[in-house]
Protein backbone atom coordinates (compact mmCIF):
# COMPACT_ATOMS: atom_id res chain seq x y z
CA MET A 1 0.03 -0.01 0.12
CA LEU A 2 0.81 3.48 -0.50
CA ARG A 3 1.68 5.85 2.70
CA TYR A 4 2.13 9.43 3.12
CA ILE A 5 4.40 10.42 6.13
CA TYR A 6 6.20 13.53 7.12
CA ALA A 7 9.68 13.17 8.36
CA ASP A 8 8.81 13.80 11.95
CA GLU A 9 6.23 11.00 11.71
CA LEU A 10 8.69 8.33 10.77
CA ASN A 11 9.38 7.27 14.01
CA ARG A 12 5.73 5.54 14.10
CA PHE A 13 7.11 3.34 11.19
CA PRO A 14 10.54 2.44 12.58
CA GLU A 15 10.93 -0.97 10.25
CA LEU A 16 9.48 1.07 7.37
CA ALA A 17 11.79 4.27 7.54
CA LYS A 18 15.06 2.20 8.35
CA SER A 19 14.49 -0.17 5.28
CA MET A 20 14.00 2.84 3.25
CA PHE A 21 17.03 4.67 4.00
CA ARG A 22 18.83 1.46 3.69
CA ASP A 23 17.51 1.09 0.44
CA ARG A 24 18.48 4.23 -0.66
CA ALA A 25 22.00 3.70 0.32
CA ASP A 26 22.00 0.49 -1.76
CA GLN A 27 20.49 2.29 -4.64
CA PHE A 28 22.52 5.63 -4.83
CA LYS A 29 25.72 4.51 -3.22
CA THR A 30 26.17 0.91 -4.20
CA ARG A 31 24.64 0.50 -7.31
CA LEU A 32 24.54 3.95 -9.06
CA GLY A 33 27.81 5.20 -7.33
CA TRP A 34 26.82 8.56 -6.33
CA GLU A 35 28.64 10.52 -3.83
CA VAL A 36 26.40 10.46 -1.17
CA THR A 37 26.50 10.04 2.83
CA VAL A 38 25.89 6.86 4.38
CA ASP A 39 25.98 6.40 8.03
CA GLU A 40 27.15 3.43 10.19
CA ASP A 41 23.72 2.16 10.63
CA GLY A 42 24.18 1.81 6.50
CA GLU A 43 21.38 4.49 6.09
CA GLU A 44 21.52 7.30 3.21
CA ARG A 45 20.16 10.64 4.29
CA ASP A 46 21.41 14.44 3.45
CA GLN A 47 20.10 17.81 4.73
CA TYR A 48 16.97 17.89 2.79
CA ASP A 49 15.74 14.88 5.06
CA ASP A 50 15.93 17.47 8.07
CA LEU A 51 13.46 19.80 6.58
CA ASN A 52 10.58 17.62 7.58
CA PRO A 53 9.69 16.52 3.74
CA LEU A 54 6.72 14.58 2.79
CA TYR A 55 7.60 10.83 1.81
CA VAL A 56 5.55 8.61 -0.31
CA ILE A 57 6.47 5.22 0.38
CA TRP A 58 5.27 1.94 -1.07
CA GLU A 59 4.80 -0.45 1.99
CA GLU A 60 5.20 -4.21 1.20
CA ALA A 61 2.92 -6.59 3.10
CA ASP A 62 5.71 -7.32 5.65
CA GLY A 63 6.11 -3.66 6.72
CA ARG A 64 9.32 -2.96 4.71
CA HIS A 65 10.16 -0.50 2.04
CA GLY A 66 9.36 -1.19 -1.52
CA GLY A 67 9.79 2.09 -3.07
CA SER A 68 9.63 5.72 -2.13
CA MET A 69 9.70 9.53 -3.16
CA ARG A 70 10.63 12.52 -1.24
CA PHE A 71 8.72 15.74 -1.61
CA LEU A 72 9.31 19.37 -0.58
CA PRO A 73 7.97 22.88 -1.68
CA THR A 74 10.18 24.85 -3.85
CA THR A 75 9.25 28.17 -1.71
CA GLY A 76 12.22 26.76 0.50
CA PRO A 77 15.54 25.08 0.19
CA VAL A 78 15.44 22.24 -2.67
CA MET A 79 18.03 20.45 -4.67
CA VAL A 80 16.96 21.58 -7.89
CA ASN A 81 17.90 25.20 -6.98
CA GLU A 82 20.69 24.82 -4.79
CA VAL A 83 22.73 22.18 -6.41
CA PHE A 84 21.40 21.74 -10.01
CA GLY A 85 20.33 25.74 -10.39
CA HIS A 86 22.98 25.73 -13.20
CA LEU A 87 20.79 23.40 -15.34
CA THR A 88 18.08 26.04 -15.55
CA GLY A 89 20.39 28.77 -16.62
CA GLY A 90 20.22 30.00 -12.90
CA ALA A 91 16.72 30.82 -12.46
CA PRO A 92 15.19 29.52 -9.25
CA ILE A 93 12.25 27.51 -9.73
CA CYS A 94 10.17 28.75 -6.76
CA SER A 95 6.33 28.65 -6.49
CA PRO A 96 3.62 27.21 -3.98
CA LEU A 97 2.19 25.57 -6.98
CA ILE A 98 5.69 23.58 -7.71
CA TRP A 99 6.94 21.12 -5.30
CA GLU A 100 10.22 19.31 -5.79
CA CYS A 101 10.38 15.39 -5.96
CA THR A 102 13.55 13.52 -5.34
CA ARG A 103 15.26 10.42 -4.06
CA PHE A 104 12.90 7.92 -6.18
CA CYS A 105 14.03 4.68 -4.81
CA LEU A 106 13.20 1.08 -5.60
CA ALA A 107 13.97 -1.67 -3.37
CA ARG A 108 16.03 -4.60 -5.21
CA ASP A 109 13.25 -7.05 -5.09
CA ALA A 110 10.27 -4.32 -5.82
CA SER A 111 7.70 -5.62 -7.84
CA PRO A 112 7.27 -4.27 -11.55
CA ASN A 113 4.14 -2.22 -10.33
CA VAL A 114 5.97 0.02 -7.43
CA ALA A 115 7.42 2.83 -9.72
CA ALA A 116 3.88 3.28 -11.39
CA ALA A 117 2.37 3.32 -7.88
CA LEU A 118 4.69 5.80 -6.58
CA MET A 119 3.89 8.15 -9.39
CA LEU A 120 0.04 7.50 -8.88
CA GLY A 121 0.67 8.66 -5.21
CA GLY A 122 2.77 11.76 -6.53
CA GLY A 123 -0.61 12.57 -8.49
CA GLU A 124 -2.77 12.41 -5.55
CA ILE A 125 -0.54 14.79 -3.63
CA MET A 126 -1.14 17.35 -6.70
CA THR A 127 -4.45 16.71 -6.57
CA GLY A 128 -5.07 16.94 -3.01
CA PHE A 129 -2.80 19.71 -2.32
CA GLY A 130 -3.37 21.89 -5.36
CA VAL A 131 0.01 21.47 -6.79
CA ARG A 132 0.35 21.95 -10.48
CA HIS A 133 4.06 20.57 -11.39
CA PHE A 134 6.73 18.58 -9.57
CA ALA A 135 10.32 19.40 -10.45
CA GLY A 136 12.95 17.03 -10.24
CA VAL A 137 16.54 15.96 -11.26
CA PHE A 138 16.77 12.68 -13.21
CA ASP A 139 19.36 10.46 -14.92
CA ALA A 140 19.52 9.06 -18.16
CA ARG A 141 18.16 5.60 -16.78
CA MET A 142 15.09 7.04 -15.70
CA VAL A 143 13.90 8.35 -19.09
CA ARG A 144 12.72 4.56 -20.21
CA ILE A 145 11.10 4.18 -16.72
CA TYR A 146 9.15 7.34 -16.87
CA LYS A 147 7.90 6.47 -20.56
CA ALA A 148 7.06 2.88 -19.46
CA ILE A 149 5.09 4.24 -16.68
CA GLY A 150 3.07 6.76 -18.52
CA SER A 151 4.35 9.89 -17.06
CA SER A 152 7.41 11.77 -18.71
CA PRO A 153 8.58 15.20 -17.76
CA GLU A 154 9.11 18.37 -19.79
CA VAL A 155 12.65 18.79 -19.77
CA LEU A 156 14.05 22.14 -18.64
CA GLY A 157 17.67 21.75 -18.92
CA ALA A 158 20.30 19.13 -19.25
CA GLU A 159 24.06 18.63 -19.18
CA GLY A 160 26.23 15.38 -20.24
CA THR A 161 25.61 12.59 -22.81
CA GLY A 162 24.72 8.96 -22.75
CA ARG A 163 24.28 7.43 -19.54
CA ASP A 164 25.85 10.43 -17.50
CA ARG A 165 23.20 12.73 -18.68
CA ILE A 166 21.52 14.79 -16.10
CA SER A 167 18.42 16.83 -16.64
CA VAL A 168 15.75 18.88 -14.79
CA GLY A 169 12.31 18.49 -15.88
CA LEU A 170 8.59 19.57 -14.75
CA TRP A 171 5.82 16.81 -14.39
CA GLU A 172 2.10 17.32 -14.63
CA PHE A 173 -0.54 15.03 -13.74
CA THR A 174 -3.47 15.04 -16.09
CA PRO A 175 -6.67 12.81 -15.99
CA GLU A 176 -5.33 10.96 -18.76
CA ALA A 177 -1.88 10.59 -17.21
CA ARG A 178 -3.67 9.53 -14.12
CA GLU A 179 -5.57 6.50 -15.84
CA ARG A 180 -2.53 5.31 -17.77
CA VAL A 181 -0.16 5.36 -14.33
CA ALA A 182 -3.06 3.85 -12.42
CA LYS A 183 -3.51 0.90 -14.91
CA ARG A 184 0.24 0.37 -14.81
CA ALA A 185 0.22 0.09 -11.20
CA GLY A 186 -2.68 -2.09 -10.90
CA ILE A 187 -4.09 0.10 -8.59
CA SER A 188 -7.59 1.46 -8.93
CA PRO A 189 -8.09 5.28 -8.58
CA ASP A 190 -10.72 4.79 -5.78
CA LEU A 191 -8.13 2.69 -3.80
CA SER A 192 -5.42 5.18 -4.54
CA LYS A 193 -7.64 8.29 -3.47
CA LEU A 194 -8.70 6.11 -0.08
CA TRP A 195 -5.04 5.62 0.87
CA PHE A 196 -4.34 9.55 0.30
CA THR A 197 -7.64 10.40 2.25
CA SER A 198 -6.79 8.01 5.00
CA ALA A 199 -3.51 9.99 5.43
CA PHE A 200 -4.67 13.35 5.53
CA GLY A 201 -8.51 13.28 6.12
CA LYS A 202 -11.16 14.95 3.96
CA ALA A 203 -9.71 18.31 4.58
CA ARG A 204 -6.34 17.60 2.93
CA ALA A 205 -4.34 20.34 4.95
CA SER A 206 -0.87 20.40 4.12
CA ARG A 207 1.59 21.93 6.55
CA PHE A 208 3.33 23.18 3.51
CA ALA A 209 0.42 24.87 2.31
CA LYS A 210 0.00 26.52 5.49
CA ALA A 211 3.46 27.61 5.67
CA GLY A 212 3.33 28.89 2.02
């Protein structure tokens, strides 16, 4: 199932949180060779995890992490501006209607539907919180994944070639995209909406929205 959890609530789900940060270390450090920080517990975190982001997490039946993404509003510190701003010509992306999506991670044994399920969860955030676009940085390997899921971004800028190409993109989530992604995930739109409303209630109030 999909869970929507703020960083300051992760202590309520210790096994889920621990396995998420360890899977991030496995994906970004071990498999991709990124220069990321892994602590003595084998968990990968960065300074943006300290800003109380919202995580969308696919929880497996045994309570462990199957995949996840991290969201922050672009009205505050975000990687797309602070680390990758040169890819957009130095013009910052800053709007309460645009949130950043980072740390797209899949466990090694994640089932084929998990990536699409996460994108479906992202769409619920857009609909529920009135967000028009997600901004994110992605590498060349993700292009094929996004295309397969049925939700490809508009590329704003890029650098590098081949497997080393890094891009900044903007995603929107149209009703047509929602239908494609839900079908790919094997999750009915009604069930997806139920998971979201169970997390936030019918009011769908976001602390980010209040702060912005």
